[in-house]
N, C-alpha and C. Protein backbone atom coordinates (compact mmCIF):
# COMPACT_ATOMS: atom_id res chain seq x y z
N MET A 1 4.55 19.29 -33.07
CA MET A 1 5.34 18.06 -32.16
C MET A 1 5.32 18.23 -30.66
N LYS A 2 4.54 17.51 -29.84
CA LYS A 2 4.32 18.00 -28.51
C LYS A 2 5.77 18.15 -27.52
N GLU A 3 5.82 19.02 -26.63
CA GLU A 3 6.99 18.58 -25.73
C GLU A 3 6.78 17.67 -24.82
N LEU A 4 8.10 16.98 -24.50
CA LEU A 4 7.81 15.76 -23.39
C LEU A 4 7.73 16.22 -22.52
N LYS A 5 7.26 15.94 -21.09
CA LYS A 5 7.17 16.22 -19.66
C LYS A 5 8.74 15.82 -18.98
N ASP A 6 8.86 16.62 -18.41
CA ASP A 6 10.38 16.16 -17.61
C ASP A 6 9.35 15.41 -16.33
N PHE A 7 10.14 13.93 -16.50
CA PHE A 7 9.58 12.65 -15.78
C PHE A 7 10.64 12.52 -14.39
N ASP A 8 11.33 13.25 -14.22
CA ASP A 8 12.06 13.70 -13.22
C ASP A 8 11.56 14.11 -11.83
N GLN A 9 10.35 14.89 -12.49
CA GLN A 9 9.34 16.29 -11.52
C GLN A 9 8.67 15.09 -10.28
N LYS A 10 9.23 15.48 -9.47
CA LYS A 10 8.44 14.64 -8.32
C LYS A 10 6.96 15.30 -8.21
N VAL A 11 6.17 14.41 -8.15
CA VAL A 11 4.39 14.53 -7.99
C VAL A 11 4.47 15.28 -6.59
N GLN A 12 3.61 16.77 -6.70
CA GLN A 12 2.68 17.10 -5.15
C GLN A 12 1.87 16.82 -4.73
N ILE A 13 2.05 15.95 -3.71
CA ILE A 13 1.23 15.65 -2.95
C ILE A 13 0.44 16.34 -1.24
N GLU A 14 -0.81 16.71 -1.83
CA GLU A 14 -1.19 17.59 -0.47
C GLU A 14 -1.63 16.79 0.77
N TYR A 15 -1.36 17.14 1.99
CA TYR A 15 -1.54 16.31 3.11
C TYR A 15 -2.06 16.81 3.93
N PRO A 16 -2.64 16.35 4.88
CA PRO A 16 -3.37 15.17 4.78
C PRO A 16 -4.00 14.46 3.64
N THR A 17 -3.84 13.25 3.76
CA THR A 17 -4.53 12.81 2.14
C THR A 17 -5.06 10.86 2.58
N ILE A 18 -6.05 10.30 2.33
CA ILE A 18 -6.10 9.12 2.28
C ILE A 18 -5.13 8.38 1.44
N TRP A 19 -4.21 7.43 1.15
CA TRP A 19 -2.87 7.18 0.70
C TRP A 19 -3.29 5.34 0.16
N ARG A 20 -3.24 4.89 -0.58
CA ARG A 20 -4.04 3.79 -0.76
C ARG A 20 -2.61 2.81 -1.21
N TYR A 21 -2.52 1.90 -0.37
CA TYR A 21 -1.62 0.46 -0.31
C TYR A 21 -2.54 -0.74 -1.39
N LYS A 22 -1.60 -1.54 -2.47
CA LYS A 22 -1.77 -2.23 -2.99
C LYS A 22 -0.73 -3.79 -1.88
N VAL A 23 -1.27 -4.31 -1.26
CA VAL A 23 -0.74 -4.76 -0.40
C VAL A 23 -1.07 -6.50 -0.99
N ILE A 24 0.33 -7.64 -0.97
CA ILE A 24 -0.22 -8.75 -1.71
C ILE A 24 0.46 -10.01 -0.62
N GLY A 25 -0.26 -11.10 -0.54
CA GLY A 25 0.24 -12.03 0.32
C GLY A 25 -0.39 -13.64 -0.10
N GLU A 26 0.31 -14.27 0.54
CA GLU A 26 0.01 -15.56 0.33
C GLU A 26 -1.35 -16.04 1.07
N ASN A 27 -1.67 -15.95 2.35
CA ASN A 27 -2.58 -16.04 3.20
C ASN A 27 -3.51 -14.58 3.73
N ALA A 28 -5.09 -15.05 3.12
CA ALA A 28 -5.70 -13.53 3.36
C ALA A 28 -5.84 -13.22 4.06
N ARG A 29 -6.24 -13.93 5.57
CA ARG A 29 -6.22 -13.97 6.81
C ARG A 29 -5.05 -13.45 7.67
N LYS A 30 -3.49 -13.63 7.09
CA LYS A 30 -2.20 -13.22 7.68
C LYS A 30 -2.10 -12.06 7.04
N THR A 31 -2.11 -11.78 6.00
CA THR A 31 -2.30 -10.69 4.97
C THR A 31 -2.63 -9.29 5.50
N ARG A 32 -4.11 -9.57 6.12
CA ARG A 32 -5.45 -8.83 6.47
C ARG A 32 -4.69 -8.24 7.90
N GLU A 33 -4.13 -8.97 8.75
CA GLU A 33 -3.62 -8.84 10.20
C GLU A 33 -2.64 -8.28 9.88
N ALA A 34 -1.62 -8.41 9.12
CA ALA A 34 -0.45 -7.90 9.26
C ALA A 34 -0.52 -6.16 8.94
N ILE A 35 -1.36 -5.84 8.05
CA ILE A 35 -1.81 -4.72 7.20
C ILE A 35 -1.84 -3.98 8.62
N GLU A 36 -3.07 -4.91 9.71
CA GLU A 36 -3.51 -4.15 10.47
C GLU A 36 -2.57 -4.05 11.83
N SER A 37 -1.73 -4.60 11.58
CA SER A 37 -0.58 -4.86 13.07
C SER A 37 0.46 -3.43 12.68
N VAL A 38 0.65 -3.35 10.87
CA VAL A 38 1.56 -2.41 10.63
C VAL A 38 0.99 -0.56 10.96
N THR A 39 -0.02 -0.81 10.61
CA THR A 39 -0.89 0.89 10.39
C THR A 39 -1.18 1.05 11.34
N ASN A 40 -1.58 -0.17 12.72
CA ASN A 40 -1.91 0.48 14.29
C ASN A 40 -2.91 1.75 13.98
N ARG A 41 -3.99 1.85 12.84
CA ARG A 41 -4.44 3.04 12.92
C ARG A 41 -5.91 2.76 12.11
N PRO A 42 -6.86 3.83 11.55
CA PRO A 42 -8.01 3.27 11.34
C PRO A 42 -7.74 2.96 9.75
N THR A 43 -7.80 1.68 9.32
CA THR A 43 -7.41 1.29 7.65
C THR A 43 -8.51 0.67 7.14
N THR A 44 -9.01 1.06 6.15
CA THR A 44 -10.09 0.66 4.96
C THR A 44 -9.10 -0.36 4.34
N ILE A 45 -9.69 -1.65 4.77
CA ILE A 45 -8.77 -2.81 3.71
C ILE A 45 -9.95 -3.37 3.05
N THR A 46 -9.68 -3.46 1.62
CA THR A 46 -10.79 -4.03 0.89
C THR A 46 -9.79 -5.35 0.20
N PHE A 47 -10.47 -6.57 -0.37
CA PHE A 47 -9.96 -7.62 -0.81
C PHE A 47 -9.91 -6.77 -2.77
N SER A 48 -8.99 -7.52 -3.76
CA SER A 48 -8.87 -6.47 -4.74
C SER A 48 -8.61 -7.78 -5.55
N LYS A 49 -8.00 -9.15 -5.31
CA LYS A 49 -7.87 -9.72 -6.52
C LYS A 49 -7.29 -11.06 -6.03
N GLN A 50 -7.34 -12.00 -6.74
CA GLN A 50 -6.79 -13.73 -6.34
C GLN A 50 -6.07 -13.94 -7.54
N SER A 51 -4.57 -14.34 -7.31
CA SER A 51 -4.20 -14.46 -8.27
C SER A 51 -4.55 -16.19 -9.03
N ASN A 52 -4.67 -16.01 -10.58
CA ASN A 52 -4.96 -17.55 -11.53
C ASN A 52 -5.15 -18.60 -10.76
N ARG A 53 -3.81 -18.99 -9.90
CA ARG A 53 -3.93 -20.00 -9.42
C ARG A 53 -4.46 -20.15 -7.76
N GLY A 54 -4.79 -18.93 -7.35
CA GLY A 54 -5.01 -18.70 -5.95
C GLY A 54 -4.13 -18.93 -4.97
N LYS A 55 -2.74 -18.29 -5.47
CA LYS A 55 -1.26 -18.62 -4.42
C LYS A 55 -1.21 -16.83 -3.67
N TYR A 56 -1.90 -16.54 -4.47
CA TYR A 56 -1.34 -14.95 -3.62
C TYR A 56 -3.02 -14.28 -3.63
N GLN A 57 -2.90 -13.40 -2.70
CA GLN A 57 -4.69 -12.29 -2.79
C GLN A 57 -3.94 -10.98 -2.49
N SER A 58 -4.73 -10.05 -3.11
CA SER A 58 -4.11 -8.63 -3.19
C SER A 58 -5.44 -8.02 -2.38
N PHE A 59 -5.09 -6.58 -1.76
CA PHE A 59 -6.01 -5.80 -1.45
C PHE A 59 -5.79 -4.47 -0.84
N ASN A 60 -6.81 -3.20 -0.89
CA ASN A 60 -6.31 -2.05 -0.86
C ASN A 60 -6.24 -2.17 0.78
N ALA A 61 -5.46 -1.12 1.24
CA ALA A 61 -5.27 -0.54 2.23
C ALA A 61 -5.54 0.63 2.17
N ASP A 62 -6.16 1.56 2.55
CA ASP A 62 -6.65 2.73 2.78
C ASP A 62 -5.98 3.68 3.77
N ILE A 63 -5.52 4.29 4.17
CA ILE A 63 -4.98 5.00 5.13
C ILE A 63 -4.64 6.29 4.75
N MET A 64 -5.42 6.99 6.55
CA MET A 64 -4.50 8.79 6.11
C MET A 64 -3.26 8.98 6.49
N VAL A 65 -2.83 9.49 5.80
CA VAL A 65 -1.00 9.77 5.84
C VAL A 65 -1.17 11.13 6.26
N HIS A 66 -0.53 12.43 7.02
CA HIS A 66 -0.40 13.37 7.31
C HIS A 66 1.14 14.00 6.65
N SER A 67 2.15 13.25 6.27
CA SER A 67 3.41 13.56 5.55
C SER A 67 3.37 12.69 4.69
N GLU A 68 5.12 12.89 3.66
CA GLU A 68 5.65 11.86 3.35
C GLU A 68 6.31 11.07 4.13
N GLU A 69 6.76 11.07 5.14
CA GLU A 69 7.65 10.62 5.60
C GLU A 69 6.70 9.82 6.63
N GLU A 70 5.44 9.92 6.50
CA GLU A 70 4.63 9.04 7.37
C GLU A 70 4.00 7.80 5.91
N ARG A 71 4.03 8.27 4.92
CA ARG A 71 3.54 7.79 3.92
C ARG A 71 4.89 6.41 3.48
N GLU A 72 6.02 7.05 3.48
CA GLU A 72 6.95 6.15 3.40
C GLU A 72 7.51 5.15 4.28
N LYS A 73 7.12 5.44 5.55
CA LYS A 73 7.26 5.11 6.49
C LYS A 73 6.53 3.72 6.58
N ILE A 74 5.40 3.74 6.61
CA ILE A 74 4.37 2.78 6.27
C ILE A 74 4.42 1.71 5.34
N TYR A 75 4.73 2.52 4.17
CA TYR A 75 5.29 1.76 3.15
C TYR A 75 6.62 0.54 3.43
N GLN A 76 7.08 1.02 3.86
CA GLN A 76 8.50 0.31 4.44
C GLN A 76 8.17 -0.89 5.55
N ASP A 77 7.46 -0.30 6.29
CA ASP A 77 6.78 -1.23 7.51
C ASP A 77 6.09 -2.19 6.56
N LEU A 78 5.23 -2.11 5.71
CA LEU A 78 4.17 -2.89 5.21
C LEU A 78 5.27 -4.39 4.43
N LYS A 79 6.20 -2.97 3.81
CA LYS A 79 7.34 -4.38 3.10
C LYS A 79 8.03 -5.41 3.86
N LYS A 80 8.40 -5.15 5.17
CA LYS A 80 9.28 -5.50 5.80
C LYS A 80 8.16 -6.80 6.18
N HIS A 81 7.33 -6.77 6.45
CA HIS A 81 6.42 -7.93 7.33
C HIS A 81 6.57 -8.95 6.47
N GLU A 82 6.60 -10.20 7.55
CA GLU A 82 7.19 -11.47 6.74
C GLU A 82 5.65 -12.15 6.38
N ASP A 83 4.26 -11.41 6.41
CA ASP A 83 3.73 -12.36 6.04
C ASP A 83 2.75 -11.13 4.70
N ILE A 84 3.63 -10.19 4.05
CA ILE A 84 3.43 -9.32 3.09
C ILE A 84 4.54 -9.49 1.97
N LYS A 85 4.02 -9.95 0.87
CA LYS A 85 4.87 -10.05 -0.38
C LYS A 85 5.26 -9.24 -0.93
N MET A 86 4.32 -8.54 -1.29
CA MET A 86 4.45 -7.23 -1.92
C MET A 86 3.57 -5.91 -1.98
N VAL A 87 4.28 -4.48 -2.02
CA VAL A 87 3.56 -3.80 -1.25
C VAL A 87 3.90 -3.12 -2.87
N LEU A 88 2.64 -2.65 -3.43
CA LEU A 88 2.80 -1.41 -4.84
C LEU A 88 1.82 0.16 -4.04
């Protein structure tokens, strides 16, 4: 029987790295603008999906981050933006 891995272990990420945020919003233009305003740096934004009824659109935002603190701050800032519904 295989031993279960310890899921409490923190994943080690080597910085700097390009981090992908999945960003979901209701208005494609406003969602893209929100990503750009929060990151305020070169960011590759690509369309990902649209919900079945077309209410939500998701985008991938690929951003170079230099530390865990910076990665988490961008995540929190995206999450707080009024034109963004969810960040993964």
